[in-house]
Amino acid sequence: MASKDKKTLNPSDNTVAADLMRRFKTHPFLFIGTIVVLVIVIVAFVFVPAIVPSAGASVDLSFGSYNKIPLTYVPGNYFSQIREMIAQYRQPSEDTNYQLASYQIWREAFEETVIHTAILEEMNQAGYKVPPEVVDREVAQLPQFQENGRFSTSKYRALDDTSRITLWRQVQDSIAKEYYQRDIEELRISSQEKAFIRAMASPKRSFSMAVLPLRGYPDTELIAYAAAEEALFRVIHLSRITITSNEREAQQILNTITDGTSTFEEAAQTYSQDTYAERGGDMGVKMAYELISEVPDEQARESLIHLAKGDLSPLVKVPTGWAFFRAEETPYPADTGDGALLEKIRTYIMEFERGRVEDYFITEAEAFRTAVTESSFADALIQKGLLERTFGPLSLNYGDVPIFTSLASFSVPELSGAGLNELFWQTAFSTPLNTPSQPLVIGNTVAVLYPSEEISEDETNGEYIETAYASYWMSSFINQNLRDYFLTNKKLDDRFFDAYFKYIQPLD
């Protein structure tokens, strides 16, 4: 079949069904991938392949190269077949952005062509060739050549010589790709690794959890801190003019205000280059600590805070250039009875003194743990007025590996991101059952875990986990890494963007 002299095929004596079942059980993920490739082959010779939209002529379109092998779109080649298959899969809706959809289809087809070409080049560099008899057997099993469950010589001979050779080579390529992916998988997955993954499925634990949100830091603590750090929370009201060009220009503008040539508001609206300009320079009411980022120099900042109402400051160096200020009010201590000002104090503490808040709630969590030992978890929750969350059963699934139940699947908002928190998993699975854990800081929460139940995974499910890992998840992971490797490889000369907007976009 690889040449014009080969007129017939001799299918294997094994039944097609038995052979398919054997391959599926051995490598289900690769088997499915091979079927997809063969579907492309079938489409290419049963349906009319799509050509460039409205091109009006058959033209070889170059989108770059891989290791100097051209990546071209030719009617009937792999690039065109995979593009047609993707386009048929993505049926447009009324809301479809056709230009964007077209670009995405062509780009996806291009990337698949890169990977296809790269794998075949890897096999070629290794000196591997698929034996002709193996290709013959695969072609003989293609559905378009079957009649009454057997290979039909007449259907095969109905193809012209060019189509027959092209089909044979495409099947040869698909087999080479399958062998490449299978070899990569077998090199990477050892029996010890499979056993380790299987062991991860057991045991599973269920938990109750006491939640102490940092946002609940009491107002009394805020007020006490504000009294101890009164200088940080002095209330100030300033206006500002910022000049980004140079110090000389800034001084000239300041002089026009001091000599009465212009008002502060007029100069701000005319010359200032910051977000306060449209308001005549008015910065609004702030607390002293809010000037830290705007005026980094502490001495200059303190001089601004002590300005009397109506006073102008000298020029001050700021991150964006030079500025000068006017005091709209004399500074005064914060009124902690004002809810808005109290929230500003809370914002400062959460940003700059978060450890103080965490320490407070860790102390509260320790008191809760003591209450649990004196009564029960449920009674201690009521006594301390704490929120309870429950989740599980789940195994020690660090990283939320898809083949196990993930922590995220229980939709506990306080545990967002905890799937990658080593201390969380260590605490969760080392704390004895029916015992409150050490307090944990998780995101914006201090939590106490309470393992309430532990079960062992049965043997059948353990076998399923091992199979799923080896045949699907790990294969998927390897294939994604292969994609990333080939698509970022220095051997790839990616000219897709230019070619698309030269050849395709003008025709769509």
Protein backbone atom coordinates (compact mmCIF):
# COMPACT_ATOMS: atom_id res chain seq x y z
CA MET A 1 0.00 0.00 0.00
CA ALA A 2 2.93 2.33 0.52
CA SER A 3 3.55 2.20 -3.25
CA LYS A 4 1.48 2.03 -6.44
CA ASP A 5 2.22 -1.72 -6.84
CA LYS A 6 0.29 -2.60 -3.69
CA LYS A 7 -3.30 -3.26 -4.77
CA THR A 8 -4.89 -5.11 -1.85
CA LEU A 9 -4.77 -5.30 1.92
CA ASN A 10 -4.75 -8.30 4.22
CA PRO A 11 -6.53 -7.45 7.45
CA SER A 12 -5.43 -9.23 10.60
CA ASP A 13 -7.21 -12.40 11.55
CA ASN A 14 -8.07 -10.86 14.95
CA THR A 15 -11.49 -9.27 15.14
CA VAL A 16 -11.64 -5.50 15.03
CA ALA A 17 -13.69 -5.35 18.23
CA ALA A 18 -11.20 -7.45 20.22
CA ASP A 19 -8.27 -5.35 19.06
CA LEU A 20 -10.03 -2.10 19.91
CA MET A 21 -10.95 -3.34 23.37
CA ARG A 22 -7.36 -4.45 24.04
CA ARG A 23 -5.98 -1.04 23.11
CA PHE A 24 -8.58 0.86 25.12
CA LYS A 25 -7.86 -1.12 28.29
CA THR A 26 -4.09 -0.71 27.88
CA HIS A 27 -3.96 3.04 27.17
CA PRO A 28 -7.46 4.58 27.19
CA PHE A 29 -6.28 8.21 26.94
CA LEU A 30 -3.94 7.50 24.02
CA PHE A 31 -6.55 5.29 22.39
CA ILE A 32 -9.07 8.14 22.44
CA GLY A 33 -6.44 10.51 21.03
CA THR A 34 -5.73 8.10 18.20
CA ILE A 35 -9.43 7.81 17.40
CA VAL A 36 -9.62 11.61 17.14
CA VAL A 37 -6.73 11.63 14.65
CA LEU A 38 -8.36 8.88 12.60
CA VAL A 39 -11.63 10.81 12.58
CA ILE A 40 -9.70 13.62 10.93
CA VAL A 41 -8.44 11.16 8.33
CA ILE A 42 -11.97 9.91 7.68
CA VAL A 43 -13.33 13.44 7.33
CA ALA A 44 -10.57 14.25 4.86
CA PHE A 45 -11.62 11.47 2.48
CA VAL A 46 -15.38 11.30 2.99
CA PHE A 47 -16.23 15.01 3.06
CA VAL A 48 -14.86 17.83 0.98
CA PRO A 49 -12.13 19.59 3.01
CA ALA A 50 -12.58 23.30 3.68
CA ILE A 51 -10.32 25.76 1.91
CA VAL A 52 -9.52 29.34 2.84
CA PRO A 53 -12.82 31.30 3.06
CA SER A 54 -13.65 32.95 -0.27
CA ALA A 55 -10.07 32.57 -1.42
CA GLY A 56 -11.13 31.86 -4.97
CA ALA A 57 -8.00 29.80 -5.58
CA SER A 58 -5.98 27.03 -3.96
CA VAL A 59 -2.92 28.69 -2.43
CA ASP A 60 -0.30 27.33 -0.02
CA LEU A 61 -0.39 29.65 3.00
CA SER A 62 2.74 29.77 5.17
CA PHE A 63 2.35 30.40 8.91
CA GLY A 64 5.97 29.82 9.90
CA SER A 65 8.08 26.71 10.47
CA TYR A 66 9.21 24.21 13.09
CA ASN A 67 12.88 23.22 12.89
CA LYS A 68 12.76 24.69 9.36
CA ILE A 69 9.83 22.42 8.40
CA PRO A 70 7.16 24.70 6.83
CA LEU A 71 3.85 25.10 8.68
CA THR A 72 1.59 25.62 5.68
CA TYR A 73 -2.11 25.48 5.03
CA VAL A 74 -2.80 23.38 1.94
CA PRO A 75 -6.30 22.08 1.11
CA GLY A 76 -6.40 18.48 2.32
CA ASN A 77 -3.33 18.57 4.59
CA TYR A 78 -3.32 18.16 8.38
CA PHE A 79 -3.64 21.90 9.03
CA SER A 80 -6.74 22.20 6.85
CA GLN A 81 -8.34 19.04 8.24
CA ILE A 82 -7.90 20.03 11.88
CA ARG A 83 -9.17 23.54 11.13
CA GLU A 84 -12.29 22.07 9.52
CA MET A 85 -12.84 19.75 12.47
CA ILE A 86 -12.53 22.57 15.01
CA ALA A 87 -14.84 24.81 12.95
CA GLN A 88 -17.51 22.08 12.81
CA TYR A 89 -17.23 21.53 16.57
CA ARG A 90 -17.64 25.23 17.35
CA GLN A 91 -21.04 25.93 15.89
CA PRO A 92 -21.67 29.72 15.95
CA SER A 93 -24.56 31.23 17.90
CA GLU A 94 -26.44 34.48 17.35
CA ASP A 95 -24.11 36.28 19.78
CA THR A 96 -20.91 35.00 18.17
CA ASN A 97 -18.22 37.52 17.33
CA TYR A 98 -17.32 35.97 13.99
CA GLN A 99 -13.98 37.70 13.55
CA LEU A 100 -12.83 36.65 17.03
CA ALA A 101 -14.19 33.10 16.53
CA SER A 102 -12.38 32.81 13.20
CA TYR A 103 -9.10 33.94 14.73
CA GLN A 104 -9.46 31.45 17.61
CA ILE A 105 -10.26 28.54 15.26
CA TRP A 106 -7.28 29.26 13.03
CA ARG A 107 -4.96 29.77 16.00
CA GLU A 108 -6.02 26.51 17.64
CA ALA A 109 -5.55 24.67 14.34
CA PHE A 110 -2.11 26.24 13.95
CA GLU A 111 -1.03 25.13 17.43
CA GLU A 112 -2.26 21.59 16.79
CA THR A 113 -0.26 21.60 13.55
CA VAL A 114 2.86 22.76 15.40
CA ILE A 115 2.54 19.90 17.90
CA HIS A 116 1.78 17.40 15.12
CA THR A 117 4.84 18.51 13.14
CA ALA A 118 7.10 18.61 16.20
CA ILE A 119 6.23 15.08 17.34
CA LEU A 120 6.80 13.64 13.87
CA GLU A 121 10.11 15.48 13.69
CA GLU A 122 11.11 14.04 17.08
CA MET A 123 10.32 10.54 15.81
CA ASN A 124 12.20 11.20 12.59
CA GLN A 125 15.25 12.45 14.50
CA ALA A 126 15.13 9.25 16.57
CA GLY A 127 15.18 7.20 13.34
CA TYR A 128 11.78 5.59 13.95
CA LYS A 129 9.60 4.44 11.04
CA VAL A 130 6.24 2.72 11.41
CA PRO A 131 6.44 -0.76 9.79
CA PRO A 132 4.35 -0.82 6.55
CA GLU A 133 2.38 -3.88 7.66
CA VAL A 134 1.23 -2.02 10.79
CA VAL A 135 -0.03 0.87 8.67
CA ASP A 136 -1.74 -1.58 6.29
CA ARG A 137 -3.59 -3.18 9.19
CA GLU A 138 -4.77 0.22 10.53
CA VAL A 139 -5.97 1.39 7.12
CA ALA A 140 -7.85 -1.88 6.65
CA GLN A 141 -9.79 -1.17 9.83
CA LEU A 142 -10.96 2.31 8.79
CA PRO A 143 -14.78 2.50 8.71
CA GLN A 144 -14.98 3.83 5.13
CA PHE A 145 -13.50 0.57 3.86
CA GLN A 146 -15.83 -1.75 5.79
CA GLU A 147 -18.67 -3.72 4.20
CA ASN A 148 -20.71 -6.24 6.19
CA GLY A 149 -18.09 -6.10 8.96
CA ARG A 150 -15.16 -6.90 6.65
CA PHE A 151 -12.56 -4.97 4.66
CA SER A 152 -13.84 -4.10 1.19
CA THR A 153 -11.14 -4.23 -1.51
CA SER A 154 -13.46 -2.54 -4.03
CA LYS A 155 -14.06 0.44 -1.71
CA TYR A 156 -10.34 0.80 -1.15
CA ARG A 157 -9.55 0.61 -4.87
CA ALA A 158 -12.18 3.28 -5.56
CA LEU A 159 -9.67 5.84 -4.27
CA ASP A 160 -7.32 7.35 -6.82
CA ASP A 161 -3.60 6.65 -6.36
CA THR A 162 -2.81 10.10 -4.93
CA SER A 163 -5.57 9.92 -2.33
CA ARG A 164 -4.58 6.36 -1.42
CA ILE A 165 -0.94 7.31 -0.79
CA THR A 166 -1.94 10.44 1.13
CA LEU A 167 -4.29 8.43 3.33
CA TRP A 168 -1.64 5.81 3.98
CA ARG A 169 0.87 8.44 5.07
CA GLN A 170 -1.63 10.17 7.34
CA VAL A 171 -2.38 6.92 9.13
CA GLN A 172 1.36 6.29 9.39
CA ASP A 173 1.79 9.70 11.06
CA SER A 174 -1.04 9.07 13.51
CA ILE A 175 0.53 5.76 14.60
CA ALA A 176 3.94 7.41 15.06
CA LYS A 177 2.34 10.09 17.27
CA GLU A 178 0.60 7.45 19.37
CA TYR A 179 3.87 5.58 19.95
CA TYR A 180 5.64 8.81 20.88
CA GLN A 181 3.03 9.77 23.49
CA ARG A 182 2.88 6.25 24.89
CA ASP A 183 6.66 6.07 25.26
CA ILE A 184 6.74 9.45 27.02
CA GLU A 185 4.07 8.26 29.45
CA GLU A 186 5.75 4.94 30.22
CA LEU A 187 9.06 6.67 30.87
CA ARG A 188 7.54 9.03 33.39
CA ILE A 189 5.17 6.86 35.44
CA SER A 190 6.76 4.21 37.62
CA SER A 191 4.96 1.53 39.62
CA GLN A 192 6.20 3.22 42.83
CA GLU A 193 4.65 6.50 41.73
CA LYS A 194 1.32 4.80 41.00
CA ALA A 195 1.38 3.14 44.41
CA PHE A 196 2.12 6.47 46.09
CA ILE A 197 -0.83 8.14 44.36
CA ARG A 198 -3.06 5.24 45.30
CA ALA A 199 -2.06 5.60 48.95
CA MET A 200 -3.03 9.28 48.86
CA ALA A 201 -6.69 8.27 48.55
CA SER A 202 -6.82 7.03 52.14
CA PRO A 203 -7.68 7.90 54.82
CA LYS A 204 -10.45 10.45 54.37
CA ARG A 205 -11.47 12.85 57.10
CA SER A 206 -14.52 15.01 57.83
CA PHE A 207 -14.22 18.24 59.81
CA SER A 208 -16.03 20.87 61.76
CA MET A 209 -14.30 24.24 61.93
CA ALA A 210 -14.66 27.25 64.21
CA VAL A 211 -14.22 30.52 62.30
CA LEU A 212 -12.86 33.73 63.80
CA PRO A 213 -12.80 36.37 61.00
CA LEU A 214 -10.14 39.07 61.33
CA ARG A 215 -12.71 41.58 60.18
CA GLY A 216 -14.39 41.13 63.59
CA TYR A 217 -11.54 42.89 65.43
CA PRO A 218 -13.46 44.76 68.16
CA ASP A 219 -13.96 48.55 68.07
CA THR A 220 -12.63 48.71 71.64
CA GLU A 221 -9.27 47.39 70.40
CA LEU A 222 -9.26 49.94 67.58
CA ILE A 223 -9.94 52.78 69.98
CA ALA A 224 -7.22 51.63 72.37
CA TYR A 225 -4.70 51.45 69.54
CA ALA A 226 -5.72 54.88 68.19
CA ALA A 227 -5.19 56.38 71.65
CA ALA A 228 -1.73 54.83 71.90
CA GLU A 229 -0.75 55.99 68.38
CA GLU A 230 -2.59 59.31 68.33
CA ALA A 231 -0.13 60.99 65.94
CA LEU A 232 -0.90 58.54 63.15
CA PHE A 233 -4.60 59.30 63.23
CA ARG A 234 -4.62 63.10 63.48
CA VAL A 235 -7.24 64.48 61.13
CA ILE A 236 -5.90 66.83 58.48
CA HIS A 237 -7.45 68.72 55.59
CA LEU A 238 -5.00 69.94 52.93
CA SER A 239 -5.06 71.20 49.36
CA ARG A 240 -2.21 70.45 46.98
CA ILE A 241 -0.60 71.56 43.72
CA THR A 242 1.77 69.12 42.00
CA ILE A 243 4.27 70.07 39.28
CA THR A 244 6.02 67.21 37.50
CA SER A 245 8.38 69.23 35.24
CA ASN A 246 11.01 70.77 37.56
CA GLU A 247 11.56 72.56 40.87
CA ARG A 248 12.02 75.97 39.23
CA GLU A 249 8.59 75.95 37.58
CA ALA A 250 6.99 74.75 40.81
CA GLN A 251 8.57 77.66 42.72
CA GLN A 252 7.39 80.19 40.13
CA ILE A 253 3.79 78.97 40.48
CA LEU A 254 4.05 79.11 44.29
CA ASN A 255 5.32 82.71 43.98
CA THR A 256 2.25 83.76 41.94
CA ILE A 257 0.07 82.64 44.86
CA THR A 258 2.13 84.25 47.61
CA ASP A 259 2.29 87.60 45.76
CA GLY A 260 -1.44 87.53 45.00
CA THR A 261 -1.13 87.24 41.20
CA SER A 262 -3.37 84.14 41.23
CA THR A 263 -5.39 82.21 43.75
CA PHE A 264 -4.52 78.73 44.95
CA GLU A 265 -7.63 77.29 43.28
CA GLU A 266 -6.88 78.94 39.92
CA ALA A 267 -3.27 77.73 39.95
CA ALA A 268 -4.36 74.21 40.84
CA GLN A 269 -6.86 74.01 37.98
CA THR A 270 -4.39 75.56 35.51
CA TYR A 271 -1.05 73.99 36.42
CA SER A 272 -1.43 71.10 38.85
CA GLN A 273 -0.79 67.60 37.48
CA ASP A 274 -2.53 65.26 39.89
CA THR A 275 -6.00 63.91 40.62
CA TYR A 276 -6.90 66.87 42.87
CA ALA A 277 -6.50 69.56 40.17
CA GLU A 278 -10.13 69.65 39.05
CA ARG A 279 -11.21 70.24 42.67
CA GLY A 280 -8.93 73.26 43.00
CA GLY A 281 -6.35 71.06 44.73
CA ASP A 282 -8.61 69.96 47.61
CA MET A 283 -7.40 66.60 48.95
CA GLY A 284 -10.34 66.14 51.29
CA VAL A 285 -10.24 65.04 54.91
CA LYS A 286 -7.48 62.52 55.61
CA MET A 287 -5.60 60.99 58.51
CA ALA A 288 -1.94 61.71 59.05
CA TYR A 289 -0.86 58.17 58.09
CA GLU A 290 -2.43 58.60 54.63
CA LEU A 291 0.30 61.13 53.77
CA ILE A 292 3.05 58.52 54.17
CA SER A 293 2.88 57.33 50.54
CA GLU A 294 2.38 60.86 49.16
CA VAL A 295 5.19 62.55 51.12
CA PRO A 296 7.83 59.92 51.99
CA ASP A 297 10.17 62.27 53.88
CA GLU A 298 9.09 62.17 57.55
CA GLN A 299 10.34 65.65 58.45
CA ALA A 300 8.57 67.26 55.49
CA ARG A 301 5.41 65.28 56.28
CA GLU A 302 5.38 66.42 59.91
CA SER A 303 5.75 70.07 58.86
CA LEU A 304 2.66 69.72 56.65
CA ILE A 305 0.62 68.13 59.45
CA HIS A 306 1.43 71.08 61.75
CA LEU A 307 0.37 73.81 59.28
CA ALA A 308 -2.18 76.23 60.70
CA LYS A 309 -5.37 76.91 58.78
CA GLY A 310 -4.64 79.00 55.65
CA ASP A 311 -0.86 78.50 55.77
CA LEU A 312 1.11 77.56 52.64
CA SER A 313 3.97 75.09 52.80
CA PRO A 314 7.32 75.49 51.01
CA LEU A 315 8.08 73.16 48.09
CA VAL A 316 8.12 69.49 49.06
CA LYS A 317 9.72 66.64 47.06
CA VAL A 318 7.12 64.02 46.18
CA PRO A 319 7.41 60.79 44.11
CA THR A 320 5.98 62.48 40.98
CA GLY A 321 7.94 65.72 41.18
CA TRP A 322 7.42 68.79 43.40
CA ALA A 323 4.37 69.95 45.36
CA PHE A 324 3.24 72.57 47.82
CA PHE A 325 0.26 72.47 50.17
CA ARG A 326 -2.26 74.69 51.91
CA ALA A 327 -3.95 73.82 55.21
CA GLU A 328 -7.74 74.05 55.00
CA GLU A 329 -8.18 73.25 58.69
CA THR A 330 -5.98 73.08 61.78
CA PRO A 331 -5.20 69.39 62.53
CA TYR A 332 -7.23 67.79 65.34
CA PRO A 333 -7.33 64.39 67.11
CA ALA A 334 -9.52 61.67 65.58
CA ASP A 335 -13.01 61.29 66.98
CA THR A 336 -13.27 57.53 67.43
CA GLY A 337 -17.00 57.93 67.82
CA ASP A 338 -17.14 58.79 64.11
CA GLY A 339 -17.81 55.52 62.26
CA ALA A 340 -16.05 56.66 59.06
CA LEU A 341 -12.88 57.60 60.94
CA LEU A 342 -12.98 54.37 62.91
CA GLU A 343 -13.07 52.42 59.63
CA LYS A 344 -9.95 54.28 58.48
CA ILE A 345 -8.22 53.20 61.69
CA ARG A 346 -9.32 49.61 60.99
CA THR A 347 -7.92 49.85 57.44
CA TYR A 348 -4.56 51.03 58.76
CA ILE A 349 -4.31 48.25 61.34
CA MET A 350 -5.28 45.55 58.83
CA GLU A 351 -2.67 46.79 56.36
CA PHE A 352 0.23 47.75 58.63
CA GLU A 353 -0.44 46.01 61.96
CA ARG A 354 -2.10 42.78 60.83
CA GLY A 355 0.01 40.72 63.24
CA ARG A 356 -1.65 42.52 66.17
CA VAL A 357 -5.08 41.43 64.88
CA GLU A 358 -3.95 37.84 64.27
CA ASP A 359 -2.46 37.62 67.78
CA TYR A 360 -5.72 38.83 69.27
CA PHE A 361 -7.77 36.12 67.54
CA ILE A 362 -5.21 33.39 68.21
CA THR A 363 -5.64 34.17 71.90
CA GLU A 364 -9.43 33.98 71.44
CA ALA A 365 -9.02 30.65 69.60
CA GLU A 366 -6.96 29.24 72.46
CA ALA A 367 -9.75 30.21 74.87
CA PHE A 368 -12.21 28.40 72.57
CA ARG A 369 -10.03 25.26 72.59
CA THR A 370 -10.06 25.29 76.38
CA ALA A 371 -13.85 25.59 76.35
CA VAL A 372 -14.08 22.56 74.02
CA THR A 373 -12.10 20.40 76.42
CA GLU A 374 -14.36 21.50 79.29
CA SER A 375 -17.63 20.81 77.44
CA SER A 376 -17.96 19.97 73.72
CA PHE A 377 -17.22 21.53 70.35
CA ALA A 378 -20.88 22.41 69.78
CA ASP A 379 -21.33 23.92 73.25
CA ALA A 380 -18.10 25.92 72.96
CA LEU A 381 -19.30 27.41 69.65
CA ILE A 382 -22.47 28.65 71.34
CA GLN A 383 -20.59 29.86 74.41
CA LYS A 384 -18.10 31.91 72.34
CA GLY A 385 -20.60 32.93 69.67
CA LEU A 386 -18.47 31.58 66.84
CA LEU A 387 -19.42 30.59 63.28
CA GLU A 388 -19.15 26.89 62.37
CA ARG A 389 -18.25 25.40 58.98
CA THR A 390 -18.25 21.71 58.05
CA PHE A 391 -16.53 19.93 55.17
CA GLY A 392 -15.38 16.47 54.10
CA PRO A 393 -14.86 13.64 53.72
CA LEU A 394 -11.64 14.28 51.78
CA SER A 395 -8.16 12.81 51.62
CA LEU A 396 -4.89 14.67 52.01
CA ASN A 397 -5.20 16.36 48.62
CA TYR A 398 -2.50 19.02 48.70
CA GLY A 399 -2.78 21.13 45.55
CA ASP A 400 -6.36 20.06 44.73
CA VAL A 401 -5.28 17.23 42.39
CA PRO A 402 -8.31 16.53 40.14
CA ILE A 403 -8.44 12.75 40.70
CA PHE A 404 -9.26 13.29 44.40
CA THR A 405 -12.03 15.27 46.07
CA SER A 406 -10.76 18.84 46.31
CA LEU A 407 -11.02 21.17 49.28
CA ALA A 408 -12.48 23.82 46.96
CA SER A 409 -15.43 21.54 46.10
CA PHE A 410 -16.93 22.09 49.58
CA SER A 411 -17.38 25.84 48.92
CA VAL A 412 -16.14 27.01 52.32
CA PRO A 413 -15.18 30.65 51.66
CA GLU A 414 -12.78 30.87 54.61
CA LEU A 415 -10.70 28.03 53.08
CA SER A 416 -10.17 29.74 49.74
CA GLY A 417 -6.59 29.02 48.69
CA ALA A 418 -5.96 26.58 51.56
CA GLY A 419 -5.51 23.72 49.09
CA LEU A 420 -1.89 24.88 48.69
CA ASN A 421 -1.33 25.62 52.39
CA GLU A 422 1.02 22.97 53.77
CA LEU A 423 0.37 23.92 57.40
CA PHE A 424 -3.38 23.49 56.87
CA TRP A 425 -2.99 19.91 55.59
CA GLN A 426 -0.40 19.02 58.22
CA THR A 427 -2.70 20.26 60.98
CA ALA A 428 -5.82 18.68 59.46
CA PHE A 429 -4.34 15.18 59.29
CA SER A 430 -2.11 15.18 62.38
CA THR A 431 -4.69 16.44 64.91
CA PRO A 432 -6.30 13.48 66.75
CA LEU A 433 -9.98 12.79 66.07
CA ASN A 434 -12.51 14.71 68.18
CA THR A 435 -9.80 17.12 69.32
CA PRO A 436 -9.56 20.85 68.53
CA SER A 437 -6.48 21.73 66.49
CA GLN A 438 -3.96 24.46 67.12
CA PRO A 439 -5.23 27.82 65.79
CA LEU A 440 -4.49 28.39 62.10
CA VAL A 441 -4.29 31.68 60.24
CA ILE A 442 -5.92 31.04 56.85
CA GLY A 443 -6.39 34.10 54.68
CA ASN A 444 -8.44 36.61 56.65
CA THR A 445 -9.51 34.08 59.26
CA VAL A 446 -8.18 32.35 62.34
CA ALA A 447 -9.62 28.82 62.39
CA VAL A 448 -9.74 25.84 64.72
CA LEU A 449 -10.23 22.48 62.99
CA TYR A 450 -12.08 19.62 64.64
CA PRO A 451 -11.62 16.24 62.87
CA SER A 452 -14.91 14.47 63.50
CA GLU A 453 -14.60 11.27 61.42
CA GLU A 454 -12.00 9.20 59.56
CA ILE A 455 -12.64 6.44 57.03
CA SER A 456 -10.31 4.22 54.99
CA GLU A 457 -10.67 4.03 51.22
CA ASP A 458 -11.80 0.64 49.94
CA GLU A 459 -9.56 -1.44 47.65
CA THR A 460 -11.77 -1.03 44.56
CA ASN A 461 -11.68 2.74 44.69
CA GLY A 462 -7.94 2.65 45.32
CA GLU A 463 -7.50 0.72 42.08
CA TYR A 464 -9.69 3.23 40.27
CA ILE A 465 -7.58 6.13 41.58
CA GLU A 466 -4.39 4.44 40.38
CA THR A 467 -5.88 3.76 36.94
CA ALA A 468 -7.32 7.24 36.60
CA TYR A 469 -4.00 8.77 37.54
CA ALA A 470 -1.98 6.66 35.12
CA SER A 471 -4.36 6.61 32.17
CA TYR A 472 -5.99 10.02 32.28
CA TRP A 473 -4.76 12.67 34.70
CA MET A 474 -1.04 12.02 34.28
CA SER A 475 -1.43 11.56 30.53
CA SER A 476 -3.30 14.86 30.36
CA PHE A 477 -0.62 16.52 32.47
CA ILE A 478 2.17 15.16 30.27
CA ASN A 479 0.39 16.20 27.09
CA GLN A 480 -0.11 19.73 28.41
CA ASN A 481 3.59 19.94 29.22
CA LEU A 482 4.44 18.65 25.76
CA ARG A 483 2.23 21.35 24.26
CA ASP A 484 3.95 24.02 26.30
CA TYR A 485 7.37 22.63 25.35
CA PHE A 486 6.71 22.61 21.61
CA LEU A 487 4.82 25.91 21.47
CA THR A 488 7.61 27.77 23.30
CA ASN A 489 10.51 25.92 21.68
CA LYS A 490 13.20 27.97 19.95
CA LYS A 491 12.78 25.71 16.93
CA LEU A 492 9.35 27.27 16.34
CA ASP A 493 9.24 30.24 13.99
CA ASP A 494 5.74 31.50 14.77
CA ARG A 495 4.46 33.85 12.08
CA PHE A 496 0.80 33.13 12.64
CA PHE A 497 -0.26 36.66 13.54
CA ASP A 498 1.18 38.25 10.41
CA ALA A 499 0.01 35.45 8.12
CA TYR A 500 -3.52 35.44 9.52
CA PHE A 501 -4.07 39.14 9.00
CA LYS A 502 -2.43 38.96 5.56
CA TYR A 503 -4.22 35.90 4.16
CA ILE A 504 -7.32 35.19 6.23
CA GLN A 505 -8.73 38.31 7.89
CA PRO A 506 -9.19 40.27 4.63
CA LEU A 507 -11.25 37.34 3.26
CA ASP A 508 -13.56 36.80 6.25
